Amino acid sequence: MTKKSSLTRFVIVAIGLIAIAAVGLMPTPEGLTDTGKMALVIFVVSIVFWITEVMPIAITGWAMVGLITFLGVMDATEAWTASINNAIIFYLCCFAFACFIARSTLATRLTGFILRLAGTNSSLVLLGLMVGTALISTLMDNLPLCAVMLPIAYSVLDTNDTPTGGKSAFAKCIAIGIPWAAALGGAMTPSGCIINVLAMTLIEDAFGVQISFINWFLMSFPMVLIALPVGWLALVKIFKPEALSQSAVDTGIKKAASLGAIPRREVAGLVVMIVTMVVWIASSWITSIDITVVSLVALGFMFFPGIEAIEFNHFLEDSPWGMMLLMMAVNVMVAALMGTGATQWLVDTVMAPMTSWPLIATLAALSIIGCLLHNVIPAGPAVAGLIAVPFASIVASMGGNIAATCAMVAWWSAIALILPLDGVPLLSYSSNRKYFTFGDMAKVGWVPSLAMVAISVTITPAIAGLLGLA
């Protein structure tokens, strides 16, 4: 939509604002307050604006926050306070880690290692790249990691003289598989994706349920362990990738070998990242450790004299500040929905029939809804803000596990496997190489999506229960 005319985008904005005004003049539904009605319509119109991209999504978010305070839905001071939480602060460190990996030689070295092991077997090369991407994604946000890994994988395709325009099955697998792996790997740890911490914060604020670093990993690792190979298998069985040439393999190996020893700066950065991860894990047992405080200390060490793993101007250039601004705006909107009673009204009125179903049927329905929502709503934080508290409220009222529901919400708010509208798969889809189409991704994406739905309603609640989580 950003390529559409200004007039087209202006008309969409005008229609949205007229809709808000019209709803404001309509009678308020029974059980809903006037401010709750306005909070709901503003959030819905925001989603429409995000889908159509009438303006940059972060700017849209904050403009609508301004509308929330202007219309008296929420006090301005309360709005600014609600915009900042632990998730925002925590991710400053993760941005630094992402910048470090993007500017280092680590991804190129990993690719050379994979090519040495897999040779010309393109299916194994794909598996190696997907597993490597998923592992790195536990410490690095999905979008910047995808931006790092795709050009490296594309260089392998280029040396293989791979045609563009959707003519290569292996190229389709790479262009779809790497974004999948980045998104799935990011689900494994709170540090893997900013939406994980957002969902955890929303659930903790609403229900008082705290999920430690290690408990999040234990809930999410089985999903990734199953969904990643299922996705890989779907890609290679449906598309049947052609073999790599030996010259392409040799070129990739030589490129990695020519880098020489790992520079001192990269060794120091790796040490900081590993120690930080260890302390984050230890916080699951040592309650005095605050992972947000640890992340700020780690951020300092990344720039510490003698370490200097990254440069500050690179940190500013590489970090997804737009995503952080969007999250801050979503925080305000969610606070408005909850504070006005709109969230509870949604649960009681719109979703109440689900509570009469068997719990596993309700969980399956919620998981499918979450999956479909993010495949059409590109703003993952908005999806989390929309469904986290309502979904958890329904599950809690049925005696289900809130922590497992939080994980499910975070996964579907960050992972889109069917359509390339989310920023991660869009990164490869929007490339001028045009390696795959919407239809290609939908053709294979339903397979791992179905696996995730099954896992989220069976294995995940079982693990959460064994861990003693509410």
Protein backbone atom coordinates (compact mmCIF):
# COMPACT_ATOMS: atom_id res chain seq x y z
CA MET A 1 0.00 0.00 0.00
CA THR A 2 2.90 2.39 0.57
CA LYS A 3 3.33 2.32 -3.23
CA LYS A 4 -0.28 3.40 -3.76
CA SER A 5 -1.14 7.01 -4.39
CA SER A 6 -1.41 9.48 -1.55
CA LEU A 7 -5.08 9.94 -2.46
CA THR A 8 -5.82 6.22 -2.00
CA ARG A 9 -4.16 6.15 1.40
CA PHE A 10 -5.86 9.41 2.40
CA VAL A 11 -9.26 7.93 1.54
CA ILE A 12 -8.54 4.86 3.72
CA VAL A 13 -7.56 7.09 6.64
CA ALA A 14 -10.65 9.25 6.14
CA ILE A 15 -12.93 6.20 6.12
CA GLY A 16 -11.28 4.93 9.29
CA LEU A 17 -11.73 8.23 11.11
CA ILE A 18 -15.34 8.47 9.94
CA ALA A 19 -15.92 4.94 11.29
CA ILE A 20 -14.53 5.99 14.67
CA ALA A 21 -16.79 9.03 14.74
CA ALA A 22 -19.82 6.97 13.68
CA VAL A 23 -19.25 4.36 16.38
CA GLY A 24 -18.88 7.17 18.89
CA LEU A 25 -22.38 8.39 18.01
CA MET A 26 -23.97 4.94 18.10
CA PRO A 27 -25.59 3.48 21.24
CA THR A 28 -23.12 1.66 23.47
CA PRO A 29 -23.72 -2.13 23.63
CA GLU A 30 -24.98 -3.46 26.94
CA GLY A 31 -22.19 -4.24 29.38
CA LEU A 32 -19.67 -2.02 27.59
CA THR A 33 -18.69 1.47 28.73
CA ASP A 34 -18.52 4.43 26.35
CA THR A 35 -14.74 4.62 26.75
CA GLY A 36 -14.48 0.86 26.21
CA LYS A 37 -16.44 1.19 22.97
CA MET A 38 -14.07 3.89 21.74
CA ALA A 39 -10.99 1.90 22.78
CA LEU A 40 -12.24 -1.08 20.76
CA VAL A 41 -13.05 0.85 17.59
CA ILE A 42 -9.72 2.72 17.70
CA PHE A 43 -7.86 -0.59 18.03
CA VAL A 44 -9.81 -2.18 15.14
CA VAL A 45 -9.22 0.84 12.88
CA SER A 46 -5.53 0.74 13.85
CA ILE A 47 -5.36 -2.86 12.64
CA VAL A 48 -6.92 -1.85 9.32
CA PHE A 49 -4.38 0.95 8.96
CA TRP A 50 -1.53 -1.45 9.79
CA ILE A 51 -2.75 -4.00 7.21
CA THR A 52 -3.09 -1.37 4.49
CA GLU A 53 0.10 0.45 5.54
CA VAL A 54 -1.37 3.89 4.99
CA MET A 55 1.53 5.24 7.06
CA PRO A 56 4.56 3.63 8.73
CA ILE A 57 3.04 1.24 11.27
CA ALA A 58 4.87 2.73 14.27
CA ILE A 59 3.64 6.23 13.34
CA THR A 60 0.11 4.90 12.91
CA GLY A 61 0.31 3.36 16.37
CA TRP A 62 1.36 6.57 18.07
CA ALA A 63 -1.13 8.68 16.12
CA MET A 64 -3.89 6.44 17.41
CA VAL A 65 -2.48 6.70 20.93
CA GLY A 66 -2.84 10.45 20.53
CA LEU A 67 -6.46 9.89 19.50
CA ILE A 68 -7.05 7.73 22.59
CA THR A 69 -5.90 10.53 24.89
CA PHE A 70 -7.59 13.28 22.82
CA LEU A 71 -10.97 11.54 23.07
CA GLY A 72 -10.58 11.00 26.80
CA VAL A 73 -10.44 7.21 26.58
CA MET A 74 -7.32 7.28 28.72
CA ASP A 75 -5.52 9.92 30.74
CA ALA A 76 -2.39 11.19 28.97
CA THR A 77 -0.08 10.59 31.93
CA GLU A 78 -1.38 7.03 32.30
CA ALA A 79 -0.83 6.47 28.59
CA TRP A 80 2.82 7.54 28.67
CA THR A 81 3.43 5.39 31.74
CA ALA A 82 1.81 2.36 30.09
CA SER A 83 4.02 2.68 27.02
CA ILE A 84 7.17 1.59 28.87
CA ASN A 85 7.62 -1.83 30.45
CA ASN A 86 10.29 -4.48 30.99
CA ALA A 87 9.95 -5.79 27.43
CA ILE A 88 11.09 -2.46 25.97
CA ILE A 89 14.14 -2.19 28.24
CA PHE A 90 15.07 -5.87 27.94
CA TYR A 91 15.32 -5.69 24.18
CA LEU A 92 17.96 -2.97 24.11
CA CYS A 93 20.47 -5.72 24.87
CA CYS A 94 18.96 -8.05 22.26
CA PHE A 95 19.30 -5.29 19.65
CA ALA A 96 23.02 -5.10 20.50
CA PHE A 97 23.39 -8.88 20.13
CA ALA A 98 21.62 -8.74 16.75
CA CYS A 99 23.89 -5.94 15.58
CA PHE A 100 26.96 -7.91 16.68
CA ILE A 101 25.98 -11.06 14.77
CA ALA A 102 24.98 -9.07 11.69
CA ARG A 103 28.36 -7.28 11.60
CA SER A 104 30.43 -10.38 12.41
CA THR A 105 31.75 -13.20 10.25
CA LEU A 106 29.89 -15.87 12.23
CA ALA A 107 27.05 -16.50 9.76
CA THR A 108 29.47 -16.86 6.83
CA ARG A 109 31.60 -19.31 8.85
CA LEU A 110 28.48 -21.29 9.75
CA THR A 111 27.47 -21.52 6.08
CA GLY A 112 30.91 -22.82 5.14
CA PHE A 113 30.67 -25.45 7.88
CA ILE A 114 27.25 -26.57 6.63
CA LEU A 115 28.48 -26.84 3.04
CA ARG A 116 31.44 -28.95 4.15
CA LEU A 117 29.08 -31.38 5.86
CA ALA A 118 26.23 -31.47 3.31
CA GLY A 119 28.12 -31.14 0.04
CA THR A 120 25.87 -30.98 -3.02
CA ASN A 121 22.85 -32.44 -1.18
CA SER A 122 20.59 -29.40 -1.29
CA SER A 123 18.08 -30.88 1.17
CA LEU A 124 20.80 -31.24 3.80
CA VAL A 125 22.14 -27.76 3.03
CA LEU A 126 18.63 -26.40 3.60
CA LEU A 127 18.32 -28.35 6.86
CA GLY A 128 21.69 -27.06 8.06
CA LEU A 129 20.81 -23.44 7.25
CA MET A 130 17.42 -23.77 8.95
CA VAL A 131 18.85 -25.37 12.10
CA GLY A 132 21.71 -22.85 12.26
CA THR A 133 19.30 -19.93 11.79
CA ALA A 134 16.96 -21.27 14.48
CA LEU A 135 19.80 -21.66 16.99
CA ILE A 136 21.11 -18.13 16.41
CA SER A 137 17.55 -16.83 16.68
CA THR A 138 17.41 -17.79 20.37
CA LEU A 139 19.58 -14.72 21.04
CA MET A 140 18.67 -12.49 18.12
CA ASP A 141 15.37 -11.04 16.97
CA ASN A 142 13.81 -12.72 13.94
CA LEU A 143 13.80 -9.88 11.42
CA PRO A 144 17.46 -8.74 11.67
CA LEU A 145 18.62 -12.36 11.73
CA CYS A 146 16.66 -13.08 8.56
CA ALA A 147 18.25 -9.99 7.01
CA VAL A 148 21.68 -11.45 7.85
CA MET A 149 21.10 -15.04 6.75
CA LEU A 150 19.24 -14.47 3.47
CA PRO A 151 22.07 -12.64 1.63
CA ILE A 152 24.54 -15.34 2.70
CA ALA A 153 22.21 -18.07 1.45
CA TYR A 154 21.56 -16.08 -1.72
CA SER A 155 25.31 -15.95 -2.36
CA VAL A 156 25.27 -19.77 -2.45
CA LEU A 157 22.40 -19.60 -4.95
CA ASP A 158 24.30 -17.07 -7.06
CA THR A 159 27.43 -19.23 -7.29
CA ASN A 160 25.13 -22.08 -8.31
CA ASP A 161 23.72 -19.93 -11.16
CA THR A 162 20.25 -20.41 -9.70
CA PRO A 163 17.51 -18.77 -11.81
CA THR A 164 15.15 -16.22 -10.28
CA GLY A 165 11.44 -15.77 -10.93
CA GLY A 166 10.29 -18.92 -9.13
CA LYS A 167 12.06 -21.29 -11.51
CA SER A 168 14.25 -23.00 -8.87
CA ALA A 169 12.81 -25.39 -6.29
CA PHE A 170 15.90 -25.04 -4.09
CA ALA A 171 15.61 -21.25 -4.16
CA LYS A 172 11.97 -21.53 -3.06
CA CYS A 173 13.02 -23.73 -0.16
CA ILE A 174 15.76 -21.30 0.91
CA ALA A 175 13.62 -18.17 0.58
CA ILE A 176 10.77 -19.72 2.59
CA GLY A 177 12.74 -21.95 4.95
CA ILE A 178 15.13 -19.36 6.40
CA PRO A 179 12.35 -16.96 7.50
CA TRP A 180 10.48 -19.94 8.97
CA ALA A 181 13.57 -21.00 10.91
CA ALA A 182 14.23 -17.49 12.20
CA ALA A 183 10.65 -17.20 13.47
CA LEU A 184 10.52 -20.69 14.98
CA GLY A 185 13.93 -20.38 16.64
CA GLY A 186 12.91 -17.04 18.10
CA ALA A 187 10.08 -18.79 19.95
CA MET A 188 12.49 -20.83 22.09
CA THR A 189 13.64 -18.10 24.49
CA PRO A 190 12.34 -14.75 25.73
CA SER A 191 15.37 -13.12 24.11
CA GLY A 192 14.60 -14.73 20.76
CA CYS A 193 11.74 -12.42 19.88
CA ILE A 194 10.50 -9.15 21.32
CA ILE A 195 6.91 -10.42 21.15
CA ASN A 196 7.70 -13.21 23.63
CA VAL A 197 8.48 -10.66 26.34
CA LEU A 198 5.47 -8.56 25.34
CA ALA A 199 3.12 -11.54 25.77
CA MET A 200 4.76 -12.50 29.07
CA THR A 201 4.37 -8.94 30.35
CA LEU A 202 0.71 -8.71 29.31
CA ILE A 203 -0.11 -12.01 31.03
CA GLU A 204 1.83 -11.12 34.18
CA ASP A 205 0.11 -7.74 34.44
CA ALA A 206 -3.35 -9.24 33.93
CA PHE A 207 -3.07 -12.52 35.85
CA GLY A 208 0.07 -12.30 37.98
CA VAL A 209 1.50 -15.39 36.24
CA GLN A 210 5.30 -15.21 35.98
CA ILE A 211 7.21 -17.40 33.52
CA SER A 212 10.95 -17.83 34.08
CA PHE A 213 13.53 -17.98 31.31
CA ILE A 214 14.06 -21.73 31.63
CA ASN A 215 10.34 -22.48 31.89
CA TRP A 216 9.70 -20.57 28.67
CA PHE A 217 12.42 -22.60 26.97
CA LEU A 218 11.06 -25.90 28.29
CA MET A 219 7.57 -25.06 27.00
CA SER A 220 8.75 -23.84 23.59
CA PHE A 221 11.64 -26.16 22.72
CA PRO A 222 9.44 -29.21 21.95
CA MET A 223 7.36 -27.12 19.54
CA VAL A 224 10.46 -26.01 17.65
CA LEU A 225 11.97 -29.50 17.80
CA ILE A 226 8.89 -30.84 16.00
CA ALA A 227 7.72 -27.93 13.82
CA LEU A 228 11.15 -27.13 12.31
CA PRO A 229 11.82 -30.60 10.82
CA VAL A 230 8.15 -30.86 9.80
CA GLY A 231 8.51 -27.58 7.91
CA TRP A 232 11.80 -28.71 6.34
CA LEU A 233 10.26 -32.04 5.29
CA ALA A 234 7.26 -30.26 3.75
CA LEU A 235 9.58 -28.02 1.72
CA VAL A 236 11.77 -30.80 0.34
CA LYS A 237 8.91 -33.24 -0.33
CA ILE A 238 6.59 -30.72 -1.98
CA PHE A 239 9.14 -28.66 -3.93
CA LYS A 240 11.84 -31.37 -4.45
CA PRO A 241 14.92 -29.07 -4.59
CA GLU A 242 17.55 -29.65 -7.24
CA ALA A 243 21.14 -30.55 -6.24
CA LEU A 244 23.85 -27.92 -5.76
CA SER A 245 26.82 -27.83 -8.10
CA GLN A 246 30.20 -28.82 -6.67
CA SER A 247 31.62 -25.46 -7.73
CA ALA A 248 29.01 -23.62 -5.63
CA VAL A 249 29.87 -25.77 -2.61
CA ASP A 250 33.60 -25.21 -3.09
CA THR A 251 33.14 -21.44 -3.44
CA GLY A 252 31.16 -21.24 -0.18
CA ILE A 253 33.74 -23.31 1.69
CA LYS A 254 36.64 -21.22 0.36
CA LYS A 255 34.88 -17.98 1.28
CA ALA A 256 34.55 -19.12 4.89
CA ALA A 257 38.11 -20.45 5.00
CA SER A 258 39.52 -17.16 3.70
CA LEU A 259 38.27 -15.35 6.80
CA GLY A 260 41.07 -16.80 8.92
CA ALA A 261 40.91 -16.86 12.70
CA ILE A 262 37.95 -15.33 14.50
CA PRO A 263 38.86 -11.71 15.40
CA ARG A 264 39.37 -10.82 19.07
CA ARG A 265 36.38 -8.49 18.96
CA GLU A 266 34.09 -11.33 17.86
CA VAL A 267 35.46 -13.69 20.49
CA ALA A 268 34.79 -11.07 23.17
CA GLY A 269 31.26 -10.50 21.89
CA LEU A 270 30.54 -14.23 21.90
CA VAL A 271 31.76 -14.50 25.49
CA VAL A 272 29.44 -11.68 26.56
CA MET A 273 26.48 -13.34 24.82
CA ILE A 274 27.18 -16.78 26.29
CA VAL A 275 27.68 -15.46 29.82
CA THR A 276 24.48 -13.41 29.51
CA MET A 277 22.53 -16.47 28.41
CA VAL A 278 23.91 -18.48 31.34
CA VAL A 279 22.87 -15.77 33.81
CA TRP A 280 19.42 -15.50 32.21
CA ILE A 281 18.98 -19.25 32.68
CA ALA A 282 20.27 -19.04 36.26
CA SER A 283 17.60 -16.43 37.01
CA SER A 284 15.06 -19.25 36.83
CA TRP A 285 16.40 -20.54 40.15
CA ILE A 286 18.03 -17.45 41.67
CA THR A 287 15.04 -15.16 42.06
CA SER A 288 17.18 -12.16 43.00
CA ILE A 289 18.46 -12.00 39.40
CA ASP A 290 16.39 -9.67 37.23
CA ILE A 291 16.89 -10.55 33.56
CA THR A 292 16.12 -6.99 32.49
CA VAL A 293 18.88 -5.65 34.75
CA VAL A 294 21.23 -8.35 33.44
CA SER A 295 20.42 -7.32 29.88
CA LEU A 296 21.39 -3.71 30.63
CA VAL A 297 24.70 -4.82 32.14
CA ALA A 298 25.33 -7.00 29.07
CA LEU A 299 24.51 -4.02 26.84
CA GLY A 300 27.24 -2.05 28.62
CA PHE A 301 29.75 -4.86 28.20
CA MET A 302 29.17 -4.96 24.44
CA PHE A 303 30.67 -1.44 24.33
CA PHE A 304 33.12 -1.88 27.24
CA PRO A 305 36.72 -0.70 26.64
CA GLY A 306 38.78 -3.66 25.51
CA ILE A 307 35.69 -5.55 24.31
CA GLU A 308 33.94 -3.09 21.98
CA ALA A 309 32.11 -5.87 20.15
CA ILE A 310 30.05 -3.33 18.20
CA GLU A 311 30.18 0.36 17.34
CA PHE A 312 27.49 2.72 18.60
CA ASN A 313 26.66 4.09 15.15
CA HIS A 314 26.15 0.51 13.92
CA PHE A 315 23.90 -0.14 16.93
CA LEU A 316 21.77 2.85 15.99
CA GLU A 317 21.65 1.90 12.30
CA ASP A 318 20.85 -1.80 12.75
CA SER A 319 18.35 -1.79 15.62
CA PRO A 320 14.62 -2.05 14.76
CA TRP A 321 13.56 1.10 16.57
CA GLY A 322 10.32 1.15 14.60
CA MET A 323 9.30 -2.18 16.15
CA MET A 324 10.06 -0.83 19.62
CA LEU A 325 7.95 2.27 18.97
CA LEU A 326 5.11 0.06 17.73
CA MET A 327 5.32 -2.09 20.86
CA MET A 328 5.13 1.01 23.05
CA ALA A 329 1.99 2.15 21.21
CA VAL A 330 0.43 -1.31 21.50
CA ASN A 331 1.15 -1.26 25.25
CA VAL A 332 -0.98 1.89 25.55
CA MET A 333 -3.81 0.45 23.45
CA VAL A 334 -3.90 -2.75 25.50
CA ALA A 335 -3.90 -0.73 28.72
CA ALA A 336 -6.85 1.26 27.33
CA LEU A 337 -8.75 -1.91 26.39
CA MET A 338 -8.20 -3.43 29.82
CA GLY A 339 -8.72 -0.24 31.82
CA THR A 340 -12.06 0.51 30.16
CA GLY A 341 -13.35 -3.05 30.54
CA ALA A 342 -13.40 -3.62 26.76
CA THR A 343 -11.26 -6.76 27.01
CA GLN A 344 -13.55 -8.34 29.58
CA TRP A 345 -16.59 -7.41 27.50
CA LEU A 346 -15.05 -9.16 24.48
CA VAL A 347 -14.48 -12.29 26.54
CA ASP A 348 -17.95 -12.26 28.10
CA THR A 349 -19.89 -11.38 24.95
CA VAL A 350 -18.01 -12.48 21.84
CA MET A 351 -16.03 -15.49 23.04
CA ALA A 352 -18.27 -16.78 25.84
CA PRO A 353 -19.78 -19.62 23.72
CA MET A 354 -16.35 -21.26 23.55
CA THR A 355 -16.42 -21.91 27.29
CA SER A 356 -19.16 -24.50 26.80
CA TRP A 357 -16.93 -26.60 24.54
CA PRO A 358 -14.45 -29.27 25.71
CA LEU A 359 -11.20 -27.57 26.74
CA ILE A 360 -9.13 -29.16 23.97
CA ALA A 361 -11.66 -27.99 21.34
CA THR A 362 -11.52 -24.44 22.73
CA LEU A 363 -7.71 -24.50 22.75
CA ALA A 364 -7.67 -25.74 19.14
CA ALA A 365 -10.09 -23.00 18.07
CA LEU A 366 -8.03 -20.31 19.81
CA SER A 367 -4.80 -21.63 18.29
CA ILE A 368 -6.30 -21.64 14.79
CA ILE A 369 -7.66 -18.11 15.28
CA GLY A 370 -4.21 -16.93 16.41
CA CYS A 371 -2.58 -18.58 13.39
CA LEU A 372 -5.00 -17.04 10.90
CA LEU A 373 -4.93 -13.57 12.49
CA HIS A 374 -1.19 -13.07 12.17
CA ASN A 375 -1.14 -14.39 8.63
CA VAL A 376 -3.38 -11.46 7.62
CA ILE A 377 -2.35 -8.87 10.25
CA PRO A 378 1.35 -8.13 9.69
CA ALA A 379 1.91 -6.30 12.99
CA GLY A 380 2.76 -9.10 15.43
CA PRO A 381 2.69 -6.92 18.57
CA ALA A 382 -0.84 -5.83 17.63
CA VAL A 383 -1.94 -9.46 17.39
CA ALA A 384 -0.47 -10.17 20.84
CA GLY A 385 -2.15 -7.09 22.25
CA LEU A 386 -5.47 -8.13 20.76
CA ILE A 387 -5.60 -11.78 21.83
CA ALA A 388 -3.31 -12.33 24.85
CA VAL A 389 -5.65 -11.34 27.68
CA PRO A 390 -8.95 -12.52 26.05
CA PHE A 391 -7.49 -15.93 25.18
CA ALA A 392 -5.98 -16.38 28.64
CA SER A 393 -9.23 -15.27 30.28
CA ILE A 394 -11.22 -17.91 28.41
CA VAL A 395 -8.71 -20.66 29.19
CA ALA A 396 -8.48 -19.62 32.86
CA SER A 397 -12.29 -19.70 33.22
CA MET A 398 -12.24 -23.30 31.96
CA GLY A 399 -9.47 -24.39 34.32
CA GLY A 400 -6.82 -24.46 31.58
CA ASN A 401 -3.20 -23.39 31.78
CA ILE A 402 -2.54 -19.65 31.44
CA ALA A 403 1.22 -20.02 30.91
CA ALA A 404 0.73 -22.42 28.00
CA THR A 405 -1.80 -20.01 26.49
CA CYS A 406 0.74 -17.20 26.82
CA ALA A 407 3.27 -19.27 24.86
CA MET A 408 0.67 -20.06 22.18
CA VAL A 409 -0.23 -16.37 21.85
CA ALA A 410 3.43 -15.37 21.54
CA TRP A 411 4.13 -18.03 18.92
CA TRP A 412 1.25 -17.09 16.67
CA SER A 413 1.89 -13.36 17.15
CA ALA A 414 5.48 -13.81 15.91
CA ILE A 415 5.23 -16.70 13.46
CA ALA A 416 3.42 -16.56 10.10
CA LEU A 417 3.97 -19.68 7.99
CA ILE A 418 1.21 -19.45 5.38
CA LEU A 419 1.30 -15.93 3.87
CA PRO A 420 4.34 -13.63 3.46
CA LEU A 421 2.75 -10.54 5.03
CA ASP A 422 4.67 -10.55 8.32
CA GLY A 423 7.98 -8.68 8.18
CA VAL A 424 10.14 -11.83 8.38
CA PRO A 425 8.85 -13.77 5.33
CA LEU A 426 8.10 -10.47 3.60
CA LEU A 427 11.83 -9.76 3.64
CA SER A 428 12.44 -12.61 1.20
CA TYR A 429 9.15 -12.32 -0.69
CA SER A 430 9.69 -8.63 -1.48
CA SER A 431 13.16 -9.26 -2.88
CA ASN A 432 13.51 -8.47 -6.56
CA ARG A 433 14.70 -12.05 -7.03
CA LYS A 434 11.08 -13.28 -6.74
CA TYR A 435 12.05 -16.80 -5.73
CA PHE A 436 8.51 -17.73 -4.57
CA THR A 437 4.87 -16.64 -4.73
CA PHE A 438 2.03 -16.31 -2.21
CA GLY A 439 0.73 -19.63 -3.51
CA ASP A 440 4.08 -21.36 -3.00
CA MET A 441 4.20 -20.40 0.68
CA ALA A 442 0.57 -21.34 1.29
CA LYS A 443 1.16 -24.66 -0.47
CA VAL A 444 3.68 -25.74 2.18
CA GLY A 445 2.88 -23.46 5.12
CA TRP A 446 -0.24 -25.28 6.24
CA VAL A 447 1.83 -28.33 7.19
CA PRO A 448 3.99 -26.84 9.99
CA SER A 449 1.06 -24.60 10.98
CA LEU A 450 -1.10 -27.67 11.60
CA ALA A 451 1.73 -29.25 13.58
CA MET A 452 1.99 -26.13 15.74
CA VAL A 453 -1.75 -26.12 16.43
CA ALA A 454 -1.59 -29.75 17.55
CA ILE A 455 1.44 -29.10 19.78
CA SER A 456 -0.03 -25.97 21.35
CA VAL A 457 -3.16 -27.79 22.55
CA THR A 458 -1.54 -31.03 23.73
CA ILE A 459 2.19 -31.04 24.50
CA THR A 460 2.56 -27.43 25.64
CA PRO A 461 -0.21 -27.48 28.30
CA ALA A 462 1.11 -30.84 29.53
CA ILE A 463 4.63 -29.45 29.96
CA ALA A 464 3.34 -26.29 31.65
CA GLY A 465 1.42 -28.47 34.08
CA LEU A 466 4.48 -30.59 34.85
CA LEU A 467 6.46 -27.41 35.53
CA GLY A 468 3.84 -26.32 38.03
CA LEU A 469 2.87 -23.23 36.05
CA ALA A 470 -0.62 -21.76 36.48
